Amino acid sequence: MPTITLREQQQLAPNQFQVILQFEGGGSYPVTITNPFDEQQEARLEWYFEGWLRRPFLNTVTAAQAKASITDYGHQLF
């Protein structure tokens, strides 16, 4: 399976980065990646992945919202 490498070049804005996308045995392409979530949404994901797992029976509604947002995050990045 070929290796795909993303190499950060510079930060363009608080939520935006210029990277080089490189395929093993292929070319290199400049790409701009924008984080689709704001700080509040990022904090909710951080809580879901790091905090909620310690106490999975609390804040189940917030956990369900965070879980659902993962799909949206992936779609926006794609």
PDB file of N, CA and C in Angstrom:
ATOM      1  N   MET A   1       0.841  -1.166   0.000  1.00  0.00           N
ATOM      2  CA  MET A   1       0.000   0.000   0.000  1.00  0.00           C
ATOM      3  C   MET A   1       0.896   1.244   0.000  1.00  0.00           C
ATOM      4  N   PRO A   2       0.679   2.173  -0.916  1.00  0.00           N
ATOM      5  CA  PRO A   2       1.512   3.374  -0.976  1.00  0.00           C
ATOM      6  C   PRO A   2       1.293   4.291   0.236  1.00  0.00           C
ATOM      7  N   THR A   3       2.320   5.032   0.556  1.00  0.00           N
ATOM      8  CA  THR A   3       2.269   5.971   1.668  1.00  0.00           C
ATOM      9  C   THR A   3       1.843   7.341   1.163  1.00  0.00           C
ATOM     10  N   ILE A   4       0.941   7.986   1.914  1.00  0.00           N
ATOM     11  CA  ILE A   4       0.525   9.355   1.634  1.00  0.00           C
ATOM     12  C   ILE A   4       1.041  10.218   2.770  1.00  0.00           C
ATOM     13  N   THR A   5       1.727  11.308   2.437  1.00  0.00           N
ATOM     14  CA  THR A   5       2.321  12.179   3.446  1.00  0.00           C
ATOM     15  C   THR A   5       1.737  13.579   3.330  1.00  0.00           C
ATOM     16  N   LEU A   6       1.368  14.172   4.480  1.00  0.00           N
ATOM     17  CA  LEU A   6       0.975  15.574   4.558  1.00  0.00           C
ATOM     18  C   LEU A   6       2.050  16.293   5.352  1.00  0.00           C
ATOM     19  N   ARG A   7       2.645  17.308   4.763  1.00  0.00           N
ATOM     20  CA  ARG A   7       3.711  18.055   5.429  1.00  0.00           C
ATOM     21  C   ARG A   7       3.267  19.506   5.552  1.00  0.00           C
ATOM     22  N   GLU A   8       3.127  19.975   6.786  1.00  0.00           N
ATOM     23  CA  GLU A   8       2.677  21.343   7.009  1.00  0.00           C
ATOM     24  C   GLU A   8       3.741  22.336   6.562  1.00  0.00           C
ATOM     25  N   GLN A   9       3.314  23.332   5.819  1.00  0.00           N
ATOM     26  CA  GLN A   9       4.220  24.364   5.337  1.00  0.00           C
ATOM     27  C   GLN A   9       4.098  25.644   6.158  1.00  0.00           C
ATOM     28  N   GLN A  10       2.867  26.129   6.307  1.00  0.00           N
ATOM     29  CA  GLN A  10       2.662  27.349   7.074  1.00  0.00           C
ATOM     30  C   GLN A  10       1.209  27.469   7.511  1.00  0.00           C
ATOM     31  N   GLN A  11       1.003  28.233   8.566  1.00  0.00           N
ATOM     32  CA  GLN A  11      -0.355  28.516   9.020  1.00  0.00           C
ATOM     33  C   GLN A  11      -0.793  29.792   8.336  1.00  0.00           C
ATOM     34  N   LEU A  12      -1.914  29.737   7.644  1.00  0.00           N
ATOM     35  CA  LEU A  12      -2.414  30.883   6.895  1.00  0.00           C
ATOM     36  C   LEU A  12      -3.359  31.742   7.728  1.00  0.00           C
ATOM     37  N   ALA A  13      -4.101  31.111   8.614  1.00  0.00           N
ATOM     38  CA  ALA A  13      -5.071  31.769   9.492  1.00  0.00           C
ATOM     39  C   ALA A  13      -5.206  30.874  10.726  1.00  0.00           C
ATOM     40  N   PRO A  14      -5.955  31.315  11.730  1.00  0.00           N
ATOM     41  CA  PRO A  14      -6.075  30.479  12.932  1.00  0.00           C
ATOM     42  C   PRO A  14      -6.558  29.048  12.662  1.00  0.00           C
ATOM     43  N   ASN A  15      -7.422  28.855  11.697  1.00  0.00           N
ATOM     44  CA  ASN A  15      -7.948  27.517  11.407  1.00  0.00           C
ATOM     45  C   ASN A  15      -7.595  27.040  10.007  1.00  0.00           C
ATOM     46  N   GLN A  16      -6.524  27.578   9.437  1.00  0.00           N
ATOM     47  CA  GLN A  16      -6.197  27.237   8.051  1.00  0.00           C
ATOM     48  C   GLN A  16      -4.689  27.024   7.888  1.00  0.00           C
ATOM     49  N   PHE A  17      -4.344  25.927   7.185  1.00  0.00           N
ATOM     50  CA  PHE A  17      -2.943  25.563   7.009  1.00  0.00           C
ATOM     51  C   PHE A  17      -2.645  25.244   5.552  1.00  0.00           C
ATOM     52  N   GLN A  18      -1.463  25.612   5.126  1.00  0.00           N
ATOM     53  CA  GLN A  18      -0.960  25.216   3.812  1.00  0.00           C
ATOM     54  C   GLN A  18      -0.103  23.975   4.037  1.00  0.00           C
ATOM     55  N   VAL A  19      -0.395  22.900   3.292  1.00  0.00           N
ATOM     56  CA  VAL A  19       0.359  21.662   3.422  1.00  0.00           C
ATOM     57  C   VAL A  19       0.781  21.176   2.048  1.00  0.00           C
ATOM     58  N   ILE A  20       1.733  20.263   2.035  1.00  0.00           N
ATOM     59  CA  ILE A  20       2.133  19.577   0.812  1.00  0.00           C
ATOM     60  C   ILE A  20       1.634  18.145   0.927  1.00  0.00           C
ATOM     61  N   LEU A  21       0.832  17.743  -0.028  1.00  0.00           N
ATOM     62  CA  LEU A  21       0.315  16.380  -0.106  1.00  0.00           C
ATOM     63  C   LEU A  21       1.207  15.616  -1.064  1.00  0.00           C
ATOM     64  N   GLN A  22       1.802  14.534  -0.569  1.00  0.00           N
ATOM     65  CA  GLN A  22       2.750  13.773  -1.380  1.00  0.00           C
ATOM     66  C   GLN A  22       2.370  12.293  -1.373  1.00  0.00           C
ATOM     67  N   PHE A  23       2.316  11.731  -2.580  1.00  0.00           N
ATOM     68  CA  PHE A  23       2.033  10.315  -2.740  1.00  0.00           C
ATOM     69  C   PHE A  23       3.334   9.586  -3.009  1.00  0.00           C
ATOM     70  N   GLU A  24       3.529   8.462  -2.351  1.00  0.00           N
ATOM     71  CA  GLU A  24       4.729   7.659  -2.558  1.00  0.00           C
ATOM     72  C   GLU A  24       4.824   7.276  -4.034  1.00  0.00           C
ATOM     73  N   GLY A  25       5.955   7.588  -4.638  1.00  0.00           N
ATOM     74  CA  GLY A  25       6.160   7.281  -6.043  1.00  0.00           C
ATOM     75  C   GLY A  25       5.434   8.219  -6.987  1.00  0.00           C
ATOM     76  N   GLY A  26       4.846   9.287  -6.456  1.00  0.00           N
ATOM     77  CA  GLY A  26       4.096  10.232  -7.283  1.00  0.00           C
ATOM     78  C   GLY A  26       4.521  11.657  -7.022  1.00  0.00           C
ATOM     79  N   GLY A  27       3.674  12.571  -7.391  1.00  0.00           N
ATOM     80  CA  GLY A  27       3.987  13.985  -7.254  1.00  0.00           C
ATOM     81  C   GLY A  27       3.616  14.560  -5.908  1.00  0.00           C
ATOM     82  N   SER A  28       3.929  15.837  -5.778  1.00  0.00           N
ATOM     83  CA  SER A  28       3.590  16.609  -4.590  1.00  0.00           C
ATOM     84  C   SER A  28       2.619  17.712  -4.995  1.00  0.00           C
ATOM     85  N   TYR A  29       1.662  17.990  -4.120  1.00  0.00           N
ATOM     86  CA  TYR A  29       0.621  18.962  -4.440  1.00  0.00           C
ATOM     87  C   TYR A  29       0.394  19.889  -3.262  1.00  0.00           C
ATOM     88  N   PRO A  30       0.381  21.208  -3.480  1.00  0.00           N
ATOM     89  CA  PRO A  30       0.045  22.130  -2.391  1.00  0.00           C
ATOM     90  C   PRO A  30      -1.463  22.085  -2.129  1.00  0.00           C
ATOM     91  N   VAL A  31      -1.827  22.022  -0.860  1.00  0.00           N
ATOM     92  CA  VAL A  31      -3.227  21.928  -0.465  1.00  0.00           C
ATOM     93  C   VAL A  31      -3.455  22.848   0.728  1.00  0.00           C
ATOM     94  N   THR A  32      -4.604  23.504   0.753  1.00  0.00           N
ATOM     95  CA  THR A  32      -4.989  24.299   1.908  1.00  0.00           C
ATOM     96  C   THR A  32      -6.046  23.523   2.679  1.00  0.00           C
ATOM     97  N   ILE A  33      -5.808  23.324   3.973  1.00  0.00           N
ATOM     98  CA  ILE A  33      -6.741  22.606   4.837  1.00  0.00           C
ATOM     99  C   ILE A  33      -7.325  23.608   5.826  1.00  0.00           C
ATOM    100  N   THR A  34      -8.640  23.638   5.885  1.00  0.00           N
ATOM    101  CA  THR A  34      -9.341  24.508   6.823  1.00  0.00           C
ATOM    102  C   THR A  34     -10.063  23.649   7.845  1.00  0.00           C
ATOM    103  N   ASN A  35      -9.832  23.929   9.111  1.00  0.00           N
ATOM    104  CA  ASN A  35     -10.518  23.218  10.182  1.00  0.00           C
ATOM    105  C   ASN A  35     -11.995  23.603  10.115  1.00  0.00           C
ATOM    106  N   PRO A  36     -12.896  22.637   9.929  1.00  0.00           N
ATOM    107  CA  PRO A  36     -14.308  22.972   9.769  1.00  0.00           C
ATOM    108  C   PRO A  36     -15.034  23.350  11.055  1.00  0.00           C
ATOM    109  N   PHE A  37     -14.434  23.124  12.206  1.00  0.00           N
ATOM    110  CA  PHE A  37     -15.103  23.403  13.472  1.00  0.00           C
ATOM    111  C   PHE A  37     -14.491  24.613  14.158  1.00  0.00           C
ATOM    112  N   ASP A  38     -15.315  25.322  14.916  1.00  0.00           N
ATOM    113  CA  ASP A  38     -14.811  26.438  15.708  1.00  0.00           C
ATOM    114  C   ASP A  38     -14.280  25.905  17.041  1.00  0.00           C
ATOM    115  N   GLU A  39     -13.809  26.797  17.885  1.00  0.00           N
ATOM    116  CA  GLU A  39     -13.188  26.373  19.155  1.00  0.00           C
ATOM    117  C   GLU A  39     -14.159  25.630  20.065  1.00  0.00           C
ATOM    118  N   GLN A  40     -15.422  26.061  20.094  1.00  0.00           N
ATOM    119  CA  GLN A  40     -16.416  25.410  20.948  1.00  0.00           C
ATOM    120  C   GLN A  40     -16.677  23.979  20.474  1.00  0.00           C
ATOM    121  N   GLN A  41     -16.810  23.786  19.162  1.00  0.00           N
ATOM    122  CA  GLN A  41     -17.034  22.450  18.624  1.00  0.00           C
ATOM    123  C   GLN A  41     -15.819  21.552  18.855  1.00  0.00           C
ATOM    124  N   GLU A  42     -14.628  22.127  18.710  1.00  0.00           N
ATOM    125  CA  GLU A  42     -13.399  21.372  18.969  1.00  0.00           C
ATOM    126  C   GLU A  42     -13.329  20.944  20.437  1.00  0.00           C
ATOM    127  N   ALA A  43     -13.709  21.848  21.330  1.00  0.00           N
ATOM    128  CA  ALA A  43     -13.685  21.533  22.766  1.00  0.00           C
ATOM    129  C   ALA A  43     -14.659  20.406  23.080  1.00  0.00           C
ATOM    130  N   ARG A  44     -15.815  20.406  22.404  1.00  0.00           N
ATOM    131  CA  ARG A  44     -16.799  19.335  22.635  1.00  0.00           C
ATOM    132  C   ARG A  44     -16.242  17.993  22.163  1.00  0.00           C
ATOM    133  N   LEU A  45     -15.555  17.987  21.019  1.00  0.00           N
ATOM    134  CA  LEU A  45     -14.933  16.741  20.551  1.00  0.00           C
ATOM    135  C   LEU A  45     -13.833  16.283  21.500  1.00  0.00           C
ATOM    136  N   GLU A  46     -13.042  17.229  21.980  1.00  0.00           N
ATOM    137  CA  GLU A  46     -11.982  16.882  22.932  1.00  0.00           C
ATOM    138  C   GLU A  46     -12.587  16.251  24.185  1.00  0.00           C
ATOM    139  N   TRP A  47     -13.658  16.859  24.685  1.00  0.00           N
ATOM    140  CA  TRP A  47     -14.337  16.300  25.857  1.00  0.00           C
ATOM    141  C   TRP A  47     -14.851  14.897  25.556  1.00  0.00           C
ATOM    142  N   TYR A  48     -15.441  14.705  24.380  1.00  0.00           N
ATOM    143  CA  TYR A  48     -16.007  13.405  24.027  1.00  0.00           C
ATOM    144  C   TYR A  48     -14.931  12.327  23.980  1.00  0.00           C
ATOM    145  N   PHE A  49     -13.804  12.626  23.319  1.00  0.00           N
ATOM    146  CA  PHE A  49     -12.760  11.615  23.164  1.00  0.00           C
ATOM    147  C   PHE A  49     -11.913  11.413  24.422  1.00  0.00           C
ATOM    148  N   GLU A  50     -11.786  12.443  25.246  1.00  0.00           N
ATOM    149  CA  GLU A  50     -10.896  12.337  26.401  1.00  0.00           C
ATOM    150  C   GLU A  50     -11.612  12.306  27.746  1.00  0.00           C
ATOM    151  N   GLY A  51     -12.676  13.063  27.896  1.00  0.00           N
ATOM    152  CA  GLY A  51     -13.340  13.159  29.186  1.00  0.00           C
ATOM    153  C   GLY A  51     -14.516  12.236  29.363  1.00  0.00           C
ATOM    154  N   TRP A  52     -15.365  12.142  28.353  1.00  0.00           N
ATOM    155  CA  TRP A  52     -16.584  11.354  28.486  1.00  0.00           C
ATOM    156  C   TRP A  52     -16.285   9.879  28.696  1.00  0.00           C
ATOM    157  N   LEU A  53     -15.202   9.397  28.126  1.00  0.00           N
ATOM    158  CA  LEU A  53     -14.865   7.979  28.284  1.00  0.00           C
ATOM    159  C   LEU A  53     -14.579   7.612  29.738  1.00  0.00           C
ATOM    160  N   ARG A  54     -14.196   8.600  30.531  1.00  0.00           N
ATOM    161  CA  ARG A  54     -13.946   8.342  31.956  1.00  0.00           C
ATOM    162  C   ARG A  54     -15.245   8.215  32.745  1.00  0.00           C
ATOM    163  N   ARG A  55     -16.294   8.908  32.282  1.00  0.00           N
ATOM    164  CA  ARG A  55     -17.605   8.887  32.958  1.00  0.00           C
ATOM    165  C   ARG A  55     -18.702   8.763  31.899  1.00  0.00           C
ATOM    166  N   PRO A  56     -18.821   7.597  31.284  1.00  0.00           N
ATOM    167  CA  PRO A  56     -19.714   7.450  30.137  1.00  0.00           C
ATOM    168  C   PRO A  56     -21.210   7.470  30.452  1.00  0.00           C
ATOM    169  N   PHE A  57     -21.584   7.560  31.706  1.00  0.00           N
ATOM    170  CA  PHE A  57     -23.009   7.565  32.037  1.00  0.00           C
ATOM    171  C   PHE A  57     -23.536   8.973  32.314  1.00  0.00           C
ATOM    172  N   LEU A  58     -22.670   9.962  32.228  1.00  0.00           N
ATOM    173  CA  LEU A  58     -23.068  11.354  32.447  1.00  0.00           C
ATOM    174  C   LEU A  58     -23.105  12.096  31.111  1.00  0.00           C
ATOM    175  N   ASN A  59     -23.919  13.105  31.027  1.00  0.00           N
ATOM    176  CA  ASN A  59     -23.998  13.979  29.843  1.00  0.00           C
ATOM    177  C   ASN A  59     -24.210  13.192  28.552  1.00  0.00           C
ATOM    178  N   THR A  60     -25.148  12.278  28.576  1.00  0.00           N
ATOM    179  CA  THR A  60     -25.349  11.420  27.404  1.00  0.00           C
ATOM    180  C   THR A  60     -25.873  12.190  26.189  1.00  0.00           C
ATOM    181  N   VAL A  61     -26.638  13.250  26.409  1.00  0.00           N
ATOM    182  CA  VAL A  61     -27.146  14.049  25.282  1.00  0.00           C
ATOM    183  C   VAL A  61     -25.989  14.773  24.600  1.00  0.00           C
ATOM    184  N   THR A  62     -25.126  15.396  25.376  1.00  0.00           N
ATOM    185  CA  THR A  62     -23.959  16.078  24.816  1.00  0.00           C
ATOM    186  C   THR A  62     -23.048  15.085  24.108  1.00  0.00           C
ATOM    187  N   ALA A  63     -22.898  13.917  24.676  1.00  0.00           N
ATOM    188  CA  ALA A  63     -22.067  12.878  24.054  1.00  0.00           C
ATOM    189  C   ALA A  63     -22.656  12.449  22.712  1.00  0.00           C
ATOM    190  N   ALA A  64     -23.961  12.297  22.646  1.00  0.00           N
ATOM    191  CA  ALA A  64     -24.607  11.908  21.388  1.00  0.00           C
ATOM    192  C   ALA A  64     -24.427  12.995  20.324  1.00  0.00           C
ATOM    193  N   GLN A  65     -24.511  14.253  20.727  1.00  0.00           N
ATOM    194  CA  GLN A  65     -24.307  15.361  19.789  1.00  0.00           C
ATOM    195  C   GLN A  65     -22.866  15.378  19.288  1.00  0.00           C
ATOM    196  N   ALA A  66     -21.915  15.169  20.183  1.00  0.00           N
ATOM    197  CA  ALA A  66     -20.508  15.141  19.790  1.00  0.00           C
ATOM    198  C   ALA A  66     -20.248  13.975  18.843  1.00  0.00           C
ATOM    199  N   LYS A  67     -20.800  12.823  19.163  1.00  0.00           N
ATOM    200  CA  LYS A  67     -20.630  11.650  18.308  1.00  0.00           C
ATOM    201  C   LYS A  67     -21.179  11.908  16.909  1.00  0.00           C
ATOM    202  N   ALA A  68     -22.354  12.515  16.829  1.00  0.00           N
ATOM    203  CA  ALA A  68     -22.957  12.817  15.527  1.00  0.00           C
ATOM    204  C   ALA A  68     -22.140  13.836  14.748  1.00  0.00           C
ATOM    205  N   SER A  69     -21.468  14.740  15.446  1.00  0.00           N
ATOM    206  CA  SER A  69     -20.703  15.784  14.762  1.00  0.00           C
ATOM    207  C   SER A  69     -19.438  15.229  14.100  1.00  0.00           C
ATOM    208  N   ILE A  70     -18.994  14.049  14.493  1.00  0.00           N
ATOM    209  CA  ILE A  70     -17.788  13.462  13.901  1.00  0.00           C
ATOM    210  C   ILE A  70     -17.988  13.221  12.404  1.00  0.00           C
ATOM    211  N   THR A  71     -19.162  12.729  12.039  1.00  0.00           N
ATOM    212  CA  THR A  71     -19.466  12.503  10.621  1.00  0.00           C
ATOM    213  C   THR A  71     -19.473  13.820   9.863  1.00  0.00           C
ATOM    214  N   ASP A  72     -20.090  14.839  10.442  1.00  0.00           N
ATOM    215  CA  ASP A  72     -20.126  16.153   9.802  1.00  0.00           C
ATOM    216  C   ASP A  72     -18.720  16.712   9.630  1.00  0.00           C
ATOM    217  N   TYR A  73     -17.879  16.529  10.629  1.00  0.00           N
ATOM    218  CA  TYR A  73     -16.482  16.986  10.595  1.00  0.00           C
ATOM    219  C   TYR A  73     -15.759  16.348   9.393  1.00  0.00           C
ATOM    220  N   GLY A  74     -15.907  15.035   9.258  1.00  0.00           N
ATOM    221  CA  GLY A  74     -15.274  14.322   8.155  1.00  0.00           C
ATOM    222  C   GLY A  74     -15.783  14.773   6.790  1.00  0.00           C
ATOM    223  N   HIS A  75     -17.090  14.962   6.683  1.00  0.00           N
ATOM    224  CA  HIS A  75     -17.661  15.425   5.405  1.00  0.00           C
ATOM    225  C   HIS A  75     -17.135  16.796   5.025  1.00  0.00           C
ATOM    226  N   GLN A  76     -17.055  17.702   6.005  1.00  0.00           N
ATOM    227  CA  GLN A  76     -16.571  19.049   5.718  1.00  0.00           C
ATOM    228  C   GLN A  76     -15.084  19.032   5.325  1.00  0.00           C
ATOM    229  N   LEU A  77     -14.291  18.184   5.960  1.00  0.00           N
ATOM    230  CA  LEU A  77     -12.880  18.086   5.577  1.00  0.00           C
ATOM    231  C   LEU A  77     -12.728  17.545   4.168  1.00  0.00           C
ATOM    232  N   PHE A  78     -13.552  16.558   3.824  1.00  0.00           N
ATOM    233  CA  PHE A  78     -13.480  15.946   2.496  1.00  0.00           C
ATOM    234  C   PHE A  78     -13.883  16.927   1.431  1.00  0.00           C
TER     235      PHE A  78
END
